[in-house]
Amino acid sequence: MERMVKRAGLFGGTFNPIHMGHLRVAEEVKTGFGLDRVYFIPAALPPHKDTAGLVNADDRHAMIALAIASNPGFAVSDVEIRRAGRSYTIDTVKSFQADASGDAAFYLLIGMDAFFEMTTWKSYEMLFEKIAFIVMTRPSASALGPKGGFDAIAEYARLHVDRNYRVNPEEKCLVHGSKQPIWIHEVTQLEISSTTTRSLVGRGESIKYLVPDAVEEYILTKDLYTYGT
């Protein structure tokens, strides 16, 4: 991690492939939180997802690099590709923090659905001690409560992490005396998914405007996702 980066977001996933939805939410979080950089971190071997149809990590890394090439506020990290075994978020967070200057602040970008699966993650309780969360919610999450899913997230955090998390409604944040804050940030949810993108490729249909042009060209040139998933 560059020494001059003081505020950084860590955005992990399979990115199989990266698409406009990923890029848009990362841009909105970067702007909303005044981050110097958002790091896209492709998982080498995701512990919670079926790896059927998962192209190799080097291809996914290359597609991310192409997708973010014009945005100096974005970067791609190969930390999980270089690390042997399954890709666990706690190990990635420790790696970034070990390589950074002492005054660097990190935020873990995570979707609301993934947040509600936190108890299945390795050492998930330790994550709340080490890094602040930015839970990305969609406008439709308002159906979960009057604060756009805020109530549901607060209830989950108190039940599964620590009952002493307190709501700061003005900041749309959960705070704790000894654990890291949990921020809630509403983002534009584009109706695009990696699954749909792969299926379209498998059927020989266009994926233009779902992914950046350079990513589309890479997929077609390398003949990725030919059989769909």
Protein backbone atom coordinates (compact mmCIF):
# COMPACT_ATOMS: atom_id res chain seq x y z
CA MET A 1 0.00 0.00 0.00
CA GLU A 2 1.30 3.48 -0.91
CA ARG A 3 2.50 5.38 2.13
CA MET A 4 0.64 8.55 1.11
CA VAL A 5 -2.76 6.85 1.17
CA LYS A 6 -4.36 7.76 4.49
CA ARG A 7 -7.95 6.61 3.97
CA ALA A 8 -8.54 3.45 1.97
CA GLY A 9 -11.46 1.18 1.23
CA LEU A 10 -10.99 -2.58 0.85
CA PHE A 11 -13.47 -4.07 -1.61
CA GLY A 12 -13.18 -7.85 -1.91
CA GLY A 13 -15.04 -10.33 -4.07
CA THR A 14 -14.72 -12.83 -6.86
CA PHE A 15 -15.30 -10.18 -9.56
CA ASN A 16 -16.15 -12.94 -12.01
CA PRO A 17 -16.22 -10.68 -13.98
CA ILE A 18 -16.10 -7.13 -12.65
CA HIS A 19 -19.00 -5.07 -13.99
CA MET A 20 -20.39 -1.53 -13.95
CA GLY A 21 -22.31 -2.18 -10.74
CA HIS A 22 -19.09 -2.89 -8.84
CA LEU A 23 -17.46 0.23 -10.23
CA ARG A 24 -20.40 2.52 -9.50
CA VAL A 25 -20.83 1.56 -5.84
CA ALA A 26 -17.07 1.84 -5.25
CA GLU A 27 -17.07 5.34 -6.74
CA GLU A 28 -20.01 6.42 -4.59
CA VAL A 29 -18.38 5.12 -1.40
CA LYS A 30 -15.04 6.69 -2.29
CA THR A 31 -16.69 10.06 -2.79
CA GLY A 32 -19.03 9.78 0.18
CA PHE A 33 -16.27 8.93 2.65
CA GLY A 34 -13.48 11.00 1.15
CA LEU A 35 -11.29 7.95 0.53
CA ASP A 36 -7.91 8.34 -1.13
CA ARG A 37 -8.16 4.91 -2.69
CA VAL A 38 -10.45 1.93 -3.09
CA TYR A 39 -8.63 -1.37 -3.49
CA PHE A 40 -10.40 -4.07 -5.49
CA ILE A 41 -9.25 -7.42 -4.10
CA PRO A 42 -10.13 -10.50 -6.18
CA ALA A 43 -10.36 -13.68 -4.14
CA ALA A 44 -8.11 -16.49 -5.25
CA LEU A 45 -10.22 -19.21 -3.65
CA PRO A 46 -13.45 -17.87 -2.11
CA PRO A 47 -14.48 -19.90 0.94
CA HIS A 48 -18.25 -19.33 0.62
CA LYS A 49 -18.92 -19.59 -3.10
CA ASP A 50 -19.21 -22.41 -5.58
CA THR A 51 -16.10 -22.26 -7.75
CA ALA A 52 -17.86 -23.77 -10.78
CA GLY A 53 -17.47 -21.26 -13.60
CA LEU A 54 -14.86 -19.26 -11.70
CA VAL A 55 -12.14 -18.25 -14.13
CA ASN A 56 -8.58 -18.18 -12.86
CA ALA A 57 -7.56 -15.39 -10.53
CA ASP A 58 -5.01 -13.91 -12.92
CA ASP A 59 -7.75 -13.31 -15.51
CA ARG A 60 -10.02 -11.70 -12.94
CA HIS A 61 -7.16 -9.52 -11.72
CA ALA A 62 -6.40 -8.48 -15.30
CA MET A 63 -10.04 -7.56 -15.96
CA ILE A 64 -10.14 -5.38 -12.85
CA ALA A 65 -6.95 -3.63 -13.92
CA LEU A 66 -8.51 -2.88 -17.32
CA ALA A 67 -11.77 -1.70 -15.76
CA ILE A 68 -10.16 0.79 -13.37
CA ALA A 69 -7.30 2.00 -15.57
CA SER A 70 -8.77 5.49 -16.04
CA ASN A 71 -9.57 6.07 -12.35
CA PRO A 72 -6.58 7.11 -10.20
CA GLY A 73 -8.67 6.60 -7.07
CA PHE A 74 -8.99 2.86 -7.74
CA ALA A 75 -6.34 0.14 -7.48
CA VAL A 76 -6.29 -3.64 -7.72
CA SER A 77 -4.49 -5.80 -5.15
CA ASP A 78 -3.18 -9.32 -5.67
CA VAL A 79 -2.77 -9.94 -1.93
CA GLU A 80 -5.23 -12.86 -1.94
CA ILE A 81 -3.83 -14.30 -5.16
CA ARG A 82 -0.32 -14.37 -3.71
CA ARG A 83 -1.49 -15.98 -0.48
CA ALA A 84 -1.87 -19.74 -0.56
CA GLY A 85 -5.13 -21.43 0.38
CA ARG A 86 -8.60 -19.98 0.79
CA SER A 87 -9.07 -16.22 0.74
CA TYR A 88 -10.14 -15.00 4.17
CA THR A 89 -10.95 -11.35 4.78
CA ILE A 90 -9.34 -11.27 8.21
CA ASP A 91 -5.98 -12.24 6.67
CA THR A 92 -6.33 -9.56 4.00
CA VAL A 93 -7.14 -6.85 6.53
CA LYS A 94 -4.12 -7.82 8.64
CA SER A 95 -1.90 -7.70 5.55
CA PHE A 96 -2.99 -4.20 4.55
CA GLN A 97 -2.65 -2.88 8.07
CA ALA A 98 0.81 -4.40 8.48
CA ASP A 99 2.04 -2.72 5.28
CA ALA A 100 0.53 0.72 5.96
CA SER A 101 1.76 3.73 7.88
CA GLY A 102 0.53 4.01 11.44
CA ASP A 103 -1.98 6.78 10.73
CA ALA A 104 -3.72 5.03 7.81
CA ALA A 105 -7.45 4.34 8.20
CA PHE A 106 -9.14 1.40 6.51
CA TYR A 107 -12.77 0.68 5.72
CA LEU A 108 -14.16 -2.67 4.67
CA LEU A 109 -16.73 -2.30 1.88
CA ILE A 110 -19.41 -4.95 2.07
CA GLY A 111 -22.90 -5.44 0.68
CA MET A 112 -25.82 -5.77 3.05
CA ASP A 113 -26.52 -9.38 2.05
CA ALA A 114 -22.92 -10.34 2.77
CA PHE A 115 -23.04 -8.50 6.10
CA PHE A 116 -25.94 -10.68 7.19
CA GLU A 117 -23.71 -13.74 6.58
CA MET A 118 -20.83 -12.46 8.71
CA THR A 119 -21.15 -15.20 11.32
CA THR A 120 -19.97 -17.73 8.71
CA TRP A 121 -16.72 -15.84 8.12
CA LYS A 122 -13.41 -16.87 9.64
CA SER A 123 -12.64 -14.88 12.83
CA TYR A 124 -15.52 -12.52 12.06
CA GLU A 125 -15.59 -11.12 15.61
CA MET A 126 -11.97 -10.03 15.25
CA LEU A 127 -12.84 -8.08 12.11
CA PHE A 128 -15.01 -5.74 14.16
CA GLU A 129 -12.02 -5.04 16.38
CA LYS A 130 -9.65 -4.31 13.51
CA ILE A 131 -11.49 -2.40 10.78
CA ALA A 132 -14.44 -0.06 10.27
CA PHE A 133 -17.25 -1.37 8.07
CA ILE A 134 -19.12 0.41 5.31
CA VAL A 135 -22.26 -1.60 4.64
CA MET A 136 -23.60 -0.71 1.20
CA THR A 137 -27.38 -0.75 1.10
CA ARG A 138 -29.72 -0.27 -1.83
CA PRO A 139 -32.73 2.07 -1.92
CA SER A 140 -35.10 -0.92 -1.90
CA ALA A 141 -33.73 -1.82 1.55
CA SER A 142 -36.18 0.71 2.96
CA ALA A 143 -38.64 -2.18 3.10
CA LEU A 144 -36.56 -3.57 5.98
CA GLY A 145 -37.14 -0.57 8.22
CA PRO A 146 -37.68 3.18 8.34
CA LYS A 147 -33.96 3.91 8.01
CA GLY A 148 -33.34 2.02 4.79
CA GLY A 149 -32.18 -1.20 6.38
CA PHE A 150 -30.36 0.59 9.21
CA ASP A 151 -32.61 -1.02 11.82
CA ALA A 152 -32.01 -4.51 10.48
CA ILE A 153 -28.25 -4.00 10.38
CA ALA A 154 -28.23 -2.60 13.92
CA GLU A 155 -30.28 -5.54 15.19
CA TYR A 156 -27.93 -8.03 13.52
CA ALA A 157 -24.82 -6.34 14.91
CA ARG A 158 -26.20 -6.33 18.44
CA LEU A 159 -27.34 -9.94 18.23
CA HIS A 160 -24.29 -11.48 16.57
CA VAL A 161 -21.38 -9.14 17.35
CA ASP A 162 -21.94 -7.11 20.53
CA ARG A 163 -25.11 -5.87 22.19
CA ASN A 164 -23.35 -2.63 23.15
CA TYR A 165 -23.33 -1.22 19.63
CA ARG A 166 -25.22 2.10 19.74
CA VAL A 167 -26.99 3.90 16.93
CA ASN A 168 -25.80 7.33 15.85
CA PRO A 169 -28.71 8.24 13.53
CA GLU A 170 -27.25 11.58 12.41
CA GLU A 171 -24.15 9.85 11.06
CA LYS A 172 -25.97 6.68 9.92
CA CYS A 173 -23.44 4.77 11.95
CA LEU A 174 -23.23 2.20 14.73
CA VAL A 175 -20.63 3.02 17.37
CA HIS A 176 -19.06 1.03 20.19
CA GLY A 177 -16.73 1.84 23.03
CA SER A 178 -14.03 -0.64 22.03
CA LYS A 179 -14.97 -1.95 18.57
CA GLN A 180 -14.82 -0.34 15.15
CA PRO A 181 -17.81 1.63 13.80
CA ILE A 182 -20.25 0.22 11.27
CA TRP A 183 -21.28 2.79 8.70
CA ILE A 184 -24.38 2.38 6.52
CA HIS A 185 -24.21 3.96 3.07
CA GLU A 186 -26.98 3.86 0.49
CA VAL A 187 -25.64 3.29 -3.02
CA THR A 188 -27.08 3.14 -6.50
CA GLN A 189 -27.89 -0.49 -7.17
CA LEU A 190 -27.51 -1.18 -10.88
CA GLU A 191 -29.40 -4.29 -11.92
CA ILE A 192 -26.27 -6.03 -13.16
CA SER A 193 -24.75 -9.23 -11.88
CA SER A 194 -21.70 -11.29 -12.72
CA THR A 195 -23.96 -14.34 -13.05
CA THR A 196 -26.10 -12.66 -15.71
CA THR A 197 -23.00 -11.42 -17.51
CA ARG A 198 -21.52 -14.91 -17.67
CA SER A 199 -24.81 -16.38 -18.87
CA LEU A 200 -25.05 -13.84 -21.68
CA VAL A 201 -21.53 -14.66 -22.81
CA GLY A 202 -22.35 -18.36 -22.69
CA ARG A 203 -25.35 -17.78 -24.97
CA GLY A 204 -23.33 -15.68 -27.37
CA GLU A 205 -25.22 -12.49 -26.51
CA SER A 206 -23.89 -8.96 -26.05
CA ILE A 207 -22.57 -7.73 -22.70
CA LYS A 208 -21.91 -4.21 -23.93
CA TYR A 209 -22.69 -1.53 -21.29
CA LEU A 210 -22.73 -4.17 -18.55
CA VAL A 211 -18.94 -4.20 -18.34
CA PRO A 212 -16.31 -1.69 -19.51
CA ASP A 213 -15.38 -2.04 -23.17
CA ALA A 214 -11.87 -3.23 -22.32
CA VAL A 215 -13.30 -5.99 -20.11
CA GLU A 216 -15.71 -7.08 -22.83
CA GLU A 217 -12.83 -7.28 -25.30
CA TYR A 218 -10.71 -9.27 -22.83
CA ILE A 219 -13.51 -11.77 -22.22
CA LEU A 220 -14.13 -12.29 -25.92
CA THR A 221 -10.45 -12.44 -26.86
CA LYS A 222 -9.63 -14.94 -24.11
CA ASP A 223 -12.84 -16.90 -24.77
CA LEU A 224 -13.90 -16.74 -21.12
CA TYR A 225 -17.30 -17.94 -19.90
CA THR A 226 -17.96 -19.68 -23.18
CA TYR A 227 -20.15 -22.27 -21.56
CA GLY A 228 -21.93 -19.90 -19.17
CA THR A 229 -22.78 -20.70 -15.55
